[in-house]
Amino acid sequence: MPISAGEHRAIVKAIASGDAEAAGRAMFDHVMESKERTIQNHMQRQA
């Protein structure tokens, strides 16, 4: 949860900056990190 909350704070900061590329990248990276966590959790449970 603290990791996820930090990513959300970074998203808001990027949007507030007005930098479209940074905001888009922050949101893209957040979802991809969530995907990787999901895969890792799944593999751990399978094992």
ModelCIF file with pLDDT and N, C-alpha, C, O atoms, coordinates in Angstrom:
data_MODEL
#
_entry.id   MODEL 
#
_entity.id                         1 
_entity.type                       polymer 
_entity.pdbx_number_of_molecules   1 
#
_entity_poly.entity_id                      1 
_entity_poly.type                           'polypeptide(L)' 
_entity_poly.nstd_linkage                   no 
_entity_poly.nstd_monomer                   no 
_entity_poly.pdbx_seq_one_letter_code       MPISAGEHRAIVKAIASGDAEAAGRAMFDHVMESKERTIQNHMQRQA 
_entity_poly.pdbx_seq_one_letter_code_can   MPISAGEHRAIVKAIASGDAEAAGRAMFDHVMESKERTIQNHMQRQA 
_entity_poly.pdbx_strand_id                 A 
#
loop_
_entity_poly_seq.entity_id 
_entity_poly_seq.num 
_entity_poly_seq.mon_id 
_entity_poly_seq.hetero 
1 1  MET n 
1 2  PRO n 
1 3  ILE n 
1 4  SER n 
1 5  ALA n 
1 6  GLY n 
1 7  GLU n 
1 8  HIS n 
1 9  ARG n 
1 10 ALA n 
1 11 ILE n 
1 12 VAL n 
1 13 LYS n 
1 14 ALA n 
1 15 ILE n 
1 16 ALA n 
1 17 SER n 
1 18 GLY n 
1 19 ASP n 
1 20 ALA n 
1 21 GLU n 
1 22 ALA n 
1 23 ALA n 
1 24 GLY n 
1 25 ARG n 
1 26 ALA n 
1 27 MET n 
1 28 PHE n 
1 29 ASP n 
1 30 HIS n 
1 31 VAL n 
1 32 MET n 
1 33 GLU n 
1 34 SER n 
1 35 LYS n 
1 36 GLU n 
1 37 ARG n 
1 38 THR n 
1 39 ILE n 
1 40 GLN n 
1 41 ASN n 
1 42 HIS n 
1 43 MET n 
1 44 GLN n 
1 45 ARG n 
1 46 GLN n 
1 47 ALA n 
#
_struct_asym.id          A 
_struct_asym.entity_id   1 
#
loop_
_ma_qa_metric.id 
_ma_qa_metric.mode 
_ma_qa_metric.name 
_ma_qa_metric.software_group_id 
_ma_qa_metric.type 
1 global pLDDT . pLDDT 
2 local  pLDDT . pLDDT 
#
_ma_qa_metric_global.metric_id      1 
_ma_qa_metric_global.metric_value   92.74 
_ma_qa_metric_global.model_id       1 
_ma_qa_metric_global.ordinal_id     1 
#
loop_
_ma_qa_metric_local.label_asym_id 
_ma_qa_metric_local.label_comp_id 
_ma_qa_metric_local.label_seq_id 
_ma_qa_metric_local.metric_id 
_ma_qa_metric_local.metric_value 
_ma_qa_metric_local.model_id 
_ma_qa_metric_local.ordinal_id 
A MET 1  2 87.00 1 1  
A PRO 2  2 91.00 1 2  
A ILE 3  2 90.00 1 3  
A SER 4  2 90.00 1 4  
A ALA 5  2 93.00 1 5  
A GLY 6  2 94.00 1 6  
A GLU 7  2 95.00 1 7  
A HIS 8  2 96.00 1 8  
A ARG 9  2 96.00 1 9  
A ALA 10 2 97.00 1 10 
A ILE 11 2 98.00 1 11 
A VAL 12 2 98.00 1 12 
A LYS 13 2 98.00 1 13 
A ALA 14 2 98.00 1 14 
A ILE 15 2 98.00 1 15 
A ALA 16 2 98.00 1 16 
A SER 17 2 97.00 1 17 
A GLY 18 2 97.00 1 18 
A ASP 19 2 98.00 1 19 
A ALA 20 2 98.00 1 20 
A GLU 21 2 98.00 1 21 
A ALA 22 2 98.00 1 22 
A ALA 23 2 98.00 1 23 
A GLY 24 2 98.00 1 24 
A ARG 25 2 98.00 1 25 
A ALA 26 2 97.00 1 26 
A MET 27 2 97.00 1 27 
A PHE 28 2 98.00 1 28 
A ASP 29 2 97.00 1 29 
A HIS 30 2 95.00 1 30 
A VAL 31 2 95.00 1 31 
A MET 32 2 96.00 1 32 
A GLU 33 2 92.00 1 33 
A SER 34 2 90.00 1 34 
A LYS 35 2 92.00 1 35 
A GLU 36 2 91.00 1 36 
A ARG 37 2 86.00 1 37 
A THR 38 2 86.00 1 38 
A ILE 39 2 88.00 1 39 
A GLN 40 2 85.00 1 40 
A ASN 41 2 81.00 1 41 
A HIS 42 2 82.00 1 42 
A MET 43 2 87.00 1 43 
A GLN 44 2 82.00 1 44 
A ARG 45 2 78.00 1 45 
A GLN 46 2 82.00 1 46 
A ALA 47 2 85.00 1 47 
#
loop_
_atom_site.group_PDB 
_atom_site.id 
_atom_site.type_symbol 
_atom_site.label_atom_id 
_atom_site.label_alt_id 
_atom_site.label_comp_id 
_atom_site.label_asym_id 
_atom_site.label_entity_id 
_atom_site.label_seq_id 
_atom_site.pdbx_PDB_ins_code 
_atom_site.Cartn_x 
_atom_site.Cartn_y 
_atom_site.Cartn_z 
_atom_site.occupancy 
_atom_site.B_iso_or_equiv 
_atom_site.pdbx_formal_charge 
_atom_site.auth_seq_id 
_atom_site.auth_comp_id 
_atom_site.auth_asym_id 
_atom_site.auth_atom_id 
_atom_site.pdbx_PDB_model_num 
ATOM 1   N N  . MET A 1 1  ? 0.808  -1.227  0.000   1.00 87.00 ? 1  MET A N  1 
ATOM 2   C CA . MET A 1 1  ? 0.000  0.000   0.000   1.00 87.00 ? 1  MET A CA 1 
ATOM 3   C C  . MET A 1 1  ? 0.837  1.271   0.000   1.00 87.00 ? 1  MET A C  1 
ATOM 4   O O  . MET A 1 1  ? 0.521  2.179   -0.769  1.00 87.00 ? 1  MET A O  1 
ATOM 5   N N  . PRO A 1 2  ? 1.881  1.396   0.808   1.00 91.00 ? 2  PRO A N  1 
ATOM 6   C CA . PRO A 1 2  ? 2.689  2.625   0.770   1.00 91.00 ? 2  PRO A CA 1 
ATOM 7   C C  . PRO A 1 2  ? 3.349  2.843   -0.597  1.00 91.00 ? 2  PRO A C  1 
ATOM 8   O O  . PRO A 1 2  ? 3.472  3.980   -1.054  1.00 91.00 ? 2  PRO A O  1 
ATOM 9   N N  . ILE A 1 3  ? 3.768  1.759   -1.241  1.00 90.00 ? 3  ILE A N  1 
ATOM 10  C CA . ILE A 1 3  ? 4.372  1.871   -2.577  1.00 90.00 ? 3  ILE A CA 1 
ATOM 11  C C  . ILE A 1 3  ? 3.337  2.408   -3.564  1.00 90.00 ? 3  ILE A C  1 
ATOM 12  O O  . ILE A 1 3  ? 3.609  3.328   -4.335  1.00 90.00 ? 3  ILE A O  1 
ATOM 13  N N  . SER A 1 4  ? 2.150  1.811   -3.521  1.00 90.00 ? 4  SER A N  1 
ATOM 14  C CA . SER A 1 4  ? 1.062  2.234   -4.407  1.00 90.00 ? 4  SER A CA 1 
ATOM 15  C C  . SER A 1 4  ? 0.675  3.692   -4.154  1.00 90.00 ? 4  SER A C  1 
ATOM 16  O O  . SER A 1 4  ? 0.471  4.451   -5.101  1.00 90.00 ? 4  SER A O  1 
ATOM 17  N N  . ALA A 1 5  ? 0.574  4.085   -2.883  1.00 93.00 ? 5  ALA A N  1 
ATOM 18  C CA . ALA A 1 5  ? 0.210  5.464   -2.541  1.00 93.00 ? 5  ALA A CA 1 
ATOM 19  C C  . ALA A 1 5  ? 1.245  6.446   -3.074  1.00 93.00 ? 5  ALA A C  1 
ATOM 20  O O  . ALA A 1 5  ? 0.891  7.519   -3.564  1.00 93.00 ? 5  ALA A O  1 
ATOM 21  N N  . GLY A 1 6  ? 2.530  6.084   -2.980  1.00 94.00 ? 6  GLY A N  1 
ATOM 22  C CA . GLY A 1 6  ? 3.590  6.938   -3.506  1.00 94.00 ? 6  GLY A CA 1 
ATOM 23  C C  . GLY A 1 6  ? 3.467  7.124   -5.007  1.00 94.00 ? 6  GLY A C  1 
ATOM 24  O O  . GLY A 1 6  ? 3.725  8.212   -5.522  1.00 94.00 ? 6  GLY A O  1 
ATOM 25  N N  . GLU A 1 7  ? 3.074  6.066   -5.714  1.00 95.00 ? 7  GLU A N  1 
ATOM 26  C CA . GLU A 1 7  ? 2.896  6.156   -7.167  1.00 95.00 ? 7  GLU A CA 1 
ATOM 27  C C  . GLU A 1 7  ? 1.728  7.081   -7.504  1.00 95.00 ? 7  GLU A C  1 
ATOM 28  O O  . GLU A 1 7  ? 1.788  7.821   -8.486  1.00 95.00 ? 7  GLU A O  1 
ATOM 29  N N  . HIS A 1 8  ? 0.671  7.045   -6.699  1.00 96.00 ? 8  HIS A N  1 
ATOM 30  C CA . HIS A 1 8  ? -0.476 7.930   -6.941  1.00 96.00 ? 8  HIS A CA 1 
ATOM 31  C C  . HIS A 1 8  ? -0.100 9.394   -6.689  1.00 96.00 ? 8  HIS A C  1 
ATOM 32  O O  . HIS A 1 8  ? -0.528 10.282  -7.425  1.00 96.00 ? 8  HIS A O  1 
ATOM 33  N N  . ARG A 1 9  ? 0.697  9.641   -5.653  1.00 96.00 ? 9  ARG A N  1 
ATOM 34  C CA . ARG A 1 9  ? 1.153  10.999  -5.373  1.00 96.00 ? 9  ARG A CA 1 
ATOM 35  C C  . ARG A 1 9  ? 1.997  11.520  -6.538  1.00 96.00 ? 9  ARG A C  1 
ATOM 36  O O  . ARG A 1 9  ? 1.886  12.688  -6.912  1.00 96.00 ? 9  ARG A O  1 
ATOM 37  N N  . ALA A 1 10 ? 2.840  10.653  -7.113  1.00 97.00 ? 10 ALA A N  1 
ATOM 38  C CA . ALA A 1 10 ? 3.683  11.039  -8.251  1.00 97.00 ? 10 ALA A CA 1 
ATOM 39  C C  . ALA A 1 10 ? 2.833  11.352  -9.484  1.00 97.00 ? 10 ALA A C  1 
ATOM 40  O O  . ALA A 1 10 ? 3.169  12.249  -10.257 1.00 97.00 ? 10 ALA A O  1 
ATOM 41  N N  . ILE A 1 11 ? 1.742  10.621  -9.667  1.00 98.00 ? 11 ILE A N  1 
ATOM 42  C CA . ILE A 1 11 ? 0.831  10.881  -10.788 1.00 98.00 ? 11 ILE A CA 1 
ATOM 43  C C  . ILE A 1 11 ? 0.222  12.275  -10.667 1.00 98.00 ? 11 ILE A C  1 
ATOM 44  O O  . ILE A 1 11 ? 0.186  13.034  -11.637 1.00 98.00 ? 11 ILE A O  1 
ATOM 45  N N  . VAL A 1 12 ? -0.257 12.605  -9.466  1.00 98.00 ? 12 VAL A N  1 
ATOM 46  C CA . VAL A 1 12 ? -0.866 13.929  -9.250  1.00 98.00 ? 12 VAL A CA 1 
ATOM 47  C C  . VAL A 1 12 ? 0.162  15.034  -9.491  1.00 98.00 ? 12 VAL A C  1 
ATOM 48  O O  . VAL A 1 12 ? -0.146 16.046  -10.120 1.00 98.00 ? 12 VAL A O  1 
ATOM 49  N N  . LYS A 1 13 ? 1.374  14.838  -8.994  1.00 98.00 ? 13 LYS A N  1 
ATOM 50  C CA . LYS A 1 13 ? 2.433  15.827  -9.182  1.00 98.00 ? 13 LYS A CA 1 
ATOM 51  C C  . LYS A 1 13 ? 2.732  16.038  -10.661 1.00 98.00 ? 13 LYS A C  1 
ATOM 52  O O  . LYS A 1 13 ? 2.916  17.173  -11.100 1.00 98.00 ? 13 LYS A O  1 
ATOM 53  N N  . ALA A 1 14 ? 2.781  14.963  -11.428 1.00 98.00 ? 14 ALA A N  1 
ATOM 54  C CA . ALA A 1 14 ? 3.072  15.067  -12.861 1.00 98.00 ? 14 ALA A CA 1 
ATOM 55  C C  . ALA A 1 14 ? 1.938  15.777  -13.604 1.00 98.00 ? 14 ALA A C  1 
ATOM 56  O O  . ALA A 1 14 ? 2.190  16.602  -14.482 1.00 98.00 ? 14 ALA A O  1 
ATOM 57  N N  . ILE A 1 15 ? 0.690  15.454  -13.251 1.00 98.00 ? 15 ILE A N  1 
ATOM 58  C CA . ILE A 1 15 ? -0.450 16.119  -13.882 1.00 98.00 ? 15 ILE A CA 1 
ATOM 59  C C  . ILE A 1 15 ? -0.441 17.604  -13.555 1.00 98.00 ? 15 ILE A C  1 
ATOM 60  O O  . ILE A 1 15 ? -0.664 18.440  -14.430 1.00 98.00 ? 15 ILE A O  1 
ATOM 61  N N  . ALA A 1 16 ? -0.179 17.934  -12.282 1.00 98.00 ? 16 ALA A N  1 
ATOM 62  C CA . ALA A 1 16 ? -0.168 19.337  -11.846 1.00 98.00 ? 16 ALA A CA 1 
ATOM 63  C C  . ALA A 1 16 ? 0.933  20.145  -12.529 1.00 98.00 ? 16 ALA A C  1 
ATOM 64  O O  . ALA A 1 16 ? 0.808  21.360  -12.682 1.00 98.00 ? 16 ALA A O  1 
ATOM 65  N N  . SER A 1 17 ? 2.007  19.476  -12.937 1.00 97.00 ? 17 SER A N  1 
ATOM 66  C CA . SER A 1 17 ? 3.131  20.178  -13.586 1.00 97.00 ? 17 SER A CA 1 
ATOM 67  C C  . SER A 1 17 ? 2.782  20.677  -14.974 1.00 97.00 ? 17 SER A C  1 
ATOM 68  O O  . SER A 1 17 ? 3.446  21.567  -15.506 1.00 97.00 ? 17 SER A O  1 
ATOM 69  N N  . GLY A 1 18 ? 1.722  20.093  -15.571 1.00 97.00 ? 18 GLY A N  1 
ATOM 70  C CA . GLY A 1 18 ? 1.349  20.491  -16.922 1.00 97.00 ? 18 GLY A CA 1 
ATOM 71  C C  . GLY A 1 18 ? 2.188  19.818  -17.995 1.00 97.00 ? 18 GLY A C  1 
ATOM 72  O O  . GLY A 1 18 ? 2.026  20.111  -19.180 1.00 97.00 ? 18 GLY A O  1 
ATOM 73  N N  . ASP A 1 19 ? 3.078  18.927  -17.600 1.00 98.00 ? 19 ASP A N  1 
ATOM 74  C CA . ASP A 1 19 ? 3.948  18.208  -18.544 1.00 98.00 ? 19 ASP A CA 1 
ATOM 75  C C  . ASP A 1 19 ? 3.213  16.951  -19.018 1.00 98.00 ? 19 ASP A C  1 
ATOM 76  O O  . ASP A 1 19 ? 3.142  15.957  -18.295 1.00 98.00 ? 19 ASP A O  1 
ATOM 77  N N  . ALA A 1 20 ? 2.667  17.004  -20.238 1.00 98.00 ? 20 ALA A N  1 
ATOM 78  C CA . ALA A 1 20 ? 1.847  15.910  -20.754 1.00 98.00 ? 20 ALA A CA 1 
ATOM 79  C C  . ALA A 1 20 ? 2.643  14.607  -20.848 1.00 98.00 ? 20 ALA A C  1 
ATOM 80  O O  . ALA A 1 20 ? 2.128  13.539  -20.519 1.00 98.00 ? 20 ALA A O  1 
ATOM 81  N N  . GLU A 1 21 ? 3.886  14.695  -21.291 1.00 98.00 ? 21 GLU A N  1 
ATOM 82  C CA . GLU A 1 21 ? 4.694  13.481  -21.442 1.00 98.00 ? 21 GLU A CA 1 
ATOM 83  C C  . GLU A 1 21 ? 4.970  12.837  -20.078 1.00 98.00 ? 21 GLU A C  1 
ATOM 84  O O  . GLU A 1 21 ? 4.878  11.618  -19.934 1.00 98.00 ? 21 GLU A O  1 
ATOM 85  N N  . ALA A 1 22 ? 5.309  13.662  -19.080 1.00 98.00 ? 22 ALA A N  1 
ATOM 86  C CA . ALA A 1 22 ? 5.608  13.143  -17.742 1.00 98.00 ? 22 ALA A CA 1 
ATOM 87  C C  . ALA A 1 22 ? 4.358  12.538  -17.105 1.00 98.00 ? 22 ALA A C  1 
ATOM 88  O O  . ALA A 1 22 ? 4.436  11.497  -16.453 1.00 98.00 ? 22 ALA A O  1 
ATOM 89  N N  . ALA A 1 23 ? 3.209  13.183  -17.290 1.00 98.00 ? 23 ALA A N  1 
ATOM 90  C CA . ALA A 1 23 ? 1.963  12.685  -16.702 1.00 98.00 ? 23 ALA A CA 1 
ATOM 91  C C  . ALA A 1 23 ? 1.554  11.363  -17.353 1.00 98.00 ? 23 ALA A C  1 
ATOM 92  O O  . ALA A 1 23 ? 1.147  10.423  -16.671 1.00 98.00 ? 23 ALA A O  1 
ATOM 93  N N  . GLY A 1 24 ? 1.665  11.306  -18.666 1.00 98.00 ? 24 GLY A N  1 
ATOM 94  C CA . GLY A 1 24 ? 1.335  10.074  -19.367 1.00 98.00 ? 24 GLY A CA 1 
ATOM 95  C C  . GLY A 1 24 ? 2.244  8.932   -18.947 1.00 98.00 ? 24 GLY A C  1 
ATOM 96  O O  . GLY A 1 24 ? 1.791  7.805   -18.746 1.00 98.00 ? 24 GLY A O  1 
ATOM 97  N N  . ARG A 1 25 ? 3.532  9.234   -18.815 1.00 98.00 ? 25 ARG A N  1 
ATOM 98  C CA . ARG A 1 25 ? 4.500  8.210   -18.425 1.00 98.00 ? 25 ARG A CA 1 
ATOM 99  C C  . ARG A 1 25 ? 4.255  7.735   -16.990 1.00 98.00 ? 25 ARG A C  1 
ATOM 100 O O  . ARG A 1 25 ? 4.378  6.545   -16.699 1.00 98.00 ? 25 ARG A O  1 
ATOM 101 N N  . ALA A 1 26 ? 3.906  8.668   -16.091 1.00 97.00 ? 26 ALA A N  1 
ATOM 102 C CA . ALA A 1 26 ? 3.651  8.309   -14.689 1.00 97.00 ? 26 ALA A CA 1 
ATOM 103 C C  . ALA A 1 26 ? 2.470  7.343   -14.581 1.00 97.00 ? 26 ALA A C  1 
ATOM 104 O O  . ALA A 1 26 ? 2.512  6.381   -13.814 1.00 97.00 ? 26 ALA A O  1 
ATOM 105 N N  . MET A 1 27 ? 1.417  7.609   -15.358 1.00 97.00 ? 27 MET A N  1 
ATOM 106 C CA . MET A 1 27 ? 0.250  6.743   -15.311 1.00 97.00 ? 27 MET A CA 1 
ATOM 107 C C  . MET A 1 27 ? 0.527  5.398   -15.980 1.00 97.00 ? 27 MET A C  1 
ATOM 108 O O  . MET A 1 27 ? 0.100  4.356   -15.483 1.00 97.00 ? 27 MET A O  1 
ATOM 109 N N  . PHE A 1 28 ? 1.239  5.421   -17.102 1.00 98.00 ? 28 PHE A N  1 
ATOM 110 C CA . PHE A 1 28 ? 1.603  4.174   -17.790 1.00 98.00 ? 28 PHE A CA 1 
ATOM 111 C C  . PHE A 1 28 ? 2.463  3.300   -16.880 1.00 98.00 ? 28 PHE A C  1 
ATOM 112 O O  . PHE A 1 28 ? 2.206  2.106   -16.728 1.00 98.00 ? 28 PHE A O  1 
ATOM 113 N N  . ASP A 1 29 ? 3.480  3.902   -16.280 1.00 97.00 ? 29 ASP A N  1 
ATOM 114 C CA . ASP A 1 29 ? 4.398  3.149   -15.414 1.00 97.00 ? 29 ASP A CA 1 
ATOM 115 C C  . ASP A 1 29 ? 3.682  2.561   -14.206 1.00 97.00 ? 29 ASP A C  1 
ATOM 116 O O  . ASP A 1 29 ? 3.983  1.444   -13.785 1.00 97.00 ? 29 ASP A O  1 
ATOM 117 N N  . HIS A 1 30 ? 2.736  3.309   -13.650 1.00 95.00 ? 30 HIS A N  1 
ATOM 118 C CA . HIS A 1 30 ? 1.988  2.826   -12.478 1.00 95.00 ? 30 HIS A CA 1 
ATOM 119 C C  . HIS A 1 30 ? 1.232  1.542   -12.817 1.00 95.00 ? 30 HIS A C  1 
ATOM 120 O O  . HIS A 1 30 ? 1.253  0.585   -12.043 1.00 95.00 ? 30 HIS A O  1 
ATOM 121 N N  . VAL A 1 31 ? 0.563  1.520   -13.979 1.00 95.00 ? 31 VAL A N  1 
ATOM 122 C CA . VAL A 1 31 ? -0.199 0.335   -14.371 1.00 95.00 ? 31 VAL A CA 1 
ATOM 123 C C  . VAL A 1 31 ? 0.740  -0.836  -14.653 1.00 95.00 ? 31 VAL A C  1 
ATOM 124 O O  . VAL A 1 31 ? 0.439  -1.975  -14.295 1.00 95.00 ? 31 VAL A O  1 
ATOM 125 N N  . MET A 1 32 ? 1.881  -0.558  -15.297 1.00 96.00 ? 32 MET A N  1 
ATOM 126 C CA . MET A 1 32 ? 2.821  -1.631  -15.598 1.00 96.00 ? 32 MET A CA 1 
ATOM 127 C C  . MET A 1 32 ? 3.446  -2.200  -14.323 1.00 96.00 ? 32 MET A C  1 
ATOM 128 O O  . MET A 1 32 ? 3.719  -3.397  -14.241 1.00 96.00 ? 32 MET A O  1 
ATOM 129 N N  . GLU A 1 33 ? 3.668  -1.344  -13.337 1.00 92.00 ? 33 GLU A N  1 
ATOM 130 C CA . GLU A 1 33 ? 4.164  -1.831  -12.041 1.00 92.00 ? 33 GLU A CA 1 
ATOM 131 C C  . GLU A 1 33 ? 3.117  -2.723  -11.382 1.00 92.00 ? 33 GLU A C  1 
ATOM 132 O O  . GLU A 1 33 ? 3.447  -3.759  -10.805 1.00 92.00 ? 33 GLU A O  1 
ATOM 133 N N  . SER A 1 34 ? 1.845  -2.311  -11.472 1.00 90.00 ? 34 SER A N  1 
ATOM 134 C CA . SER A 1 34 ? 0.760  -3.128  -10.921 1.00 90.00 ? 34 SER A CA 1 
ATOM 135 C C  . SER A 1 34 ? 0.701  -4.479  -11.618 1.00 90.00 ? 34 SER A C  1 
ATOM 136 O O  . SER A 1 34 ? 0.467  -5.507  -10.984 1.00 90.00 ? 34 SER A O  1 
ATOM 137 N N  . LYS A 1 35 ? 0.916  -4.466  -12.935 1.00 92.00 ? 35 LYS A N  1 
ATOM 138 C CA . LYS A 1 35 ? 0.912  -5.721  -13.685 1.00 92.00 ? 35 LYS A CA 1 
ATOM 139 C C  . LYS A 1 35 ? 2.028  -6.643  -13.196 1.00 92.00 ? 35 LYS A C  1 
ATOM 140 O O  . LYS A 1 35 ? 1.806  -7.833  -12.976 1.00 92.00 ? 35 LYS A O  1 
ATOM 141 N N  . GLU A 1 36 ? 3.220  -6.089  -13.029 1.00 91.00 ? 36 GLU A N  1 
ATOM 142 C CA . GLU A 1 36 ? 4.347  -6.912  -12.583 1.00 91.00 ? 36 GLU A CA 1 
ATOM 143 C C  . GLU A 1 36 ? 4.112  -7.468  -11.176 1.00 91.00 ? 36 GLU A C  1 
ATOM 144 O O  . GLU A 1 36 ? 4.464  -8.612  -10.889 1.00 91.00 ? 36 GLU A O  1 
ATOM 145 N N  . ARG A 1 37 ? 3.515  -6.649  -10.301 1.00 86.00 ? 37 ARG A N  1 
ATOM 146 C CA . ARG A 1 37 ? 3.200  -7.131  -8.948  1.00 86.00 ? 37 ARG A CA 1 
ATOM 147 C C  . ARG A 1 37 ? 2.178  -8.264  -9.000  1.00 86.00 ? 37 ARG A C  1 
ATOM 148 O O  . ARG A 1 37 ? 2.261  -9.229  -8.240  1.00 86.00 ? 37 ARG A O  1 
ATOM 149 N N  . THR A 1 38 ? 1.217  -8.128  -9.909  1.00 86.00 ? 38 THR A N  1 
ATOM 150 C CA . THR A 1 38 ? 0.202  -9.162  -10.062 1.00 86.00 ? 38 THR A CA 1 
ATOM 151 C C  . THR A 1 38 ? 0.823  -10.475 -10.524 1.00 86.00 ? 38 THR A C  1 
ATOM 152 O O  . THR A 1 38 ? 0.495  -11.541 -10.003 1.00 86.00 ? 38 THR A O  1 
ATOM 153 N N  . ILE A 1 39 ? 1.717  -10.392 -11.499 1.00 88.00 ? 39 ILE A N  1 
ATOM 154 C CA . ILE A 1 39 ? 2.391  -11.596 -12.014 1.00 88.00 ? 39 ILE A CA 1 
ATOM 155 C C  . ILE A 1 39 ? 3.227  -12.248 -10.920 1.00 88.00 ? 39 ILE A C  1 
ATOM 156 O O  . ILE A 1 39 ? 3.192  -13.466 -10.748 1.00 88.00 ? 39 ILE A O  1 
ATOM 157 N N  . GLN A 1 40 ? 3.979  -11.432 -10.179 1.00 85.00 ? 40 GLN A N  1 
ATOM 158 C CA . GLN A 1 40 ? 4.830  -11.969 -9.108  1.00 85.00 ? 40 GLN A CA 1 
ATOM 159 C C  . GLN A 1 40 ? 3.995  -12.639 -8.023  1.00 85.00 ? 40 GLN A C  1 
ATOM 160 O O  . GLN A 1 40 ? 4.325  -13.733 -7.564  1.00 85.00 ? 40 GLN A O  1 
ATOM 161 N N  . ASN A 1 41 ? 2.899  -11.970 -7.611  1.00 81.00 ? 41 ASN A N  1 
ATOM 162 C CA . ASN A 1 41 ? 2.023  -12.541 -6.584  1.00 81.00 ? 41 ASN A CA 1 
ATOM 163 C C  . ASN A 1 41 ? 1.421  -13.863 -7.048  1.00 81.00 ? 41 ASN A C  1 
ATOM 164 O O  . ASN A 1 41 ? 1.321  -14.822 -6.282  1.00 81.00 ? 41 ASN A O  1 
ATOM 165 N N  . HIS A 1 42 ? 1.025  -13.890 -8.316  1.00 82.00 ? 42 HIS A N  1 
ATOM 166 C CA . HIS A 1 42 ? 0.439  -15.114 -8.878  1.00 82.00 ? 42 HIS A CA 1 
ATOM 167 C C  . HIS A 1 42 ? 1.460  -16.251 -8.866  1.00 82.00 ? 42 HIS A C  1 
ATOM 168 O O  . HIS A 1 42 ? 1.137  -17.377 -8.487  1.00 82.00 ? 42 HIS A O  1 
ATOM 169 N N  . MET A 1 43 ? 2.680  -15.955 -9.279  1.00 87.00 ? 43 MET A N  1 
ATOM 170 C CA . MET A 1 43 ? 3.722  -16.984 -9.314  1.00 87.00 ? 43 MET A CA 1 
ATOM 171 C C  . MET A 1 43 ? 4.048  -17.504 -7.914  1.00 87.00 ? 43 MET A C  1 
ATOM 172 O O  . MET A 1 43 ? 4.276  -18.698 -7.720  1.00 87.00 ? 43 MET A O  1 
ATOM 173 N N  . GLN A 1 44 ? 4.065  -16.585 -6.941  1.00 82.00 ? 44 GLN A N  1 
ATOM 174 C CA . GLN A 1 44 ? 4.342  -16.990 -5.562  1.00 82.00 ? 44 GLN A CA 1 
ATOM 175 C C  . GLN A 1 44 ? 3.242  -17.904 -5.029  1.00 82.00 ? 44 GLN A C  1 
ATOM 176 O O  . GLN A 1 44 ? 3.522  -18.884 -4.339  1.00 82.00 ? 44 GLN A O  1 
ATOM 177 N N  . ARG A 1 45 ? 2.002  -17.582 -5.348  1.00 78.00 ? 45 ARG A N  1 
ATOM 178 C CA . ARG A 1 45 ? 0.890  -18.404 -4.884  1.00 78.00 ? 45 ARG A CA 1 
ATOM 179 C C  . ARG A 1 45 ? 0.873  -19.763 -5.587  1.00 78.00 ? 45 ARG A C  1 
ATOM 180 O O  . ARG A 1 45 ? 0.525  -20.784 -4.993  1.00 78.00 ? 45 ARG A O  1 
ATOM 181 N N  . GLN A 1 46 ? 1.253  -19.750 -6.851  1.00 82.00 ? 46 GLN A N  1 
ATOM 182 C CA . GLN A 1 46 ? 1.311  -21.014 -7.587  1.00 82.00 ? 46 GLN A CA 1 
ATOM 183 C C  . GLN A 1 46 ? 2.392  -21.930 -7.016  1.00 82.00 ? 46 GLN A C  1 
ATOM 184 O O  . GLN A 1 46 ? 2.241  -23.151 -6.979  1.00 82.00 ? 46 GLN A O  1 
ATOM 185 N N  . ALA A 1 47 ? 3.491  -21.304 -6.570  1.00 85.00 ? 47 ALA A N  1 
ATOM 186 C CA . ALA A 1 47 ? 4.621  -22.081 -6.043  1.00 85.00 ? 47 ALA A CA 1 
ATOM 187 C C  . ALA A 1 47 ? 4.390  -22.549 -4.612  1.00 85.00 ? 47 ALA A C  1 
ATOM 188 O O  . ALA A 1 47 ? 5.250  -23.213 -4.033  1.00 85.00 ? 47 ALA A O  1 
#
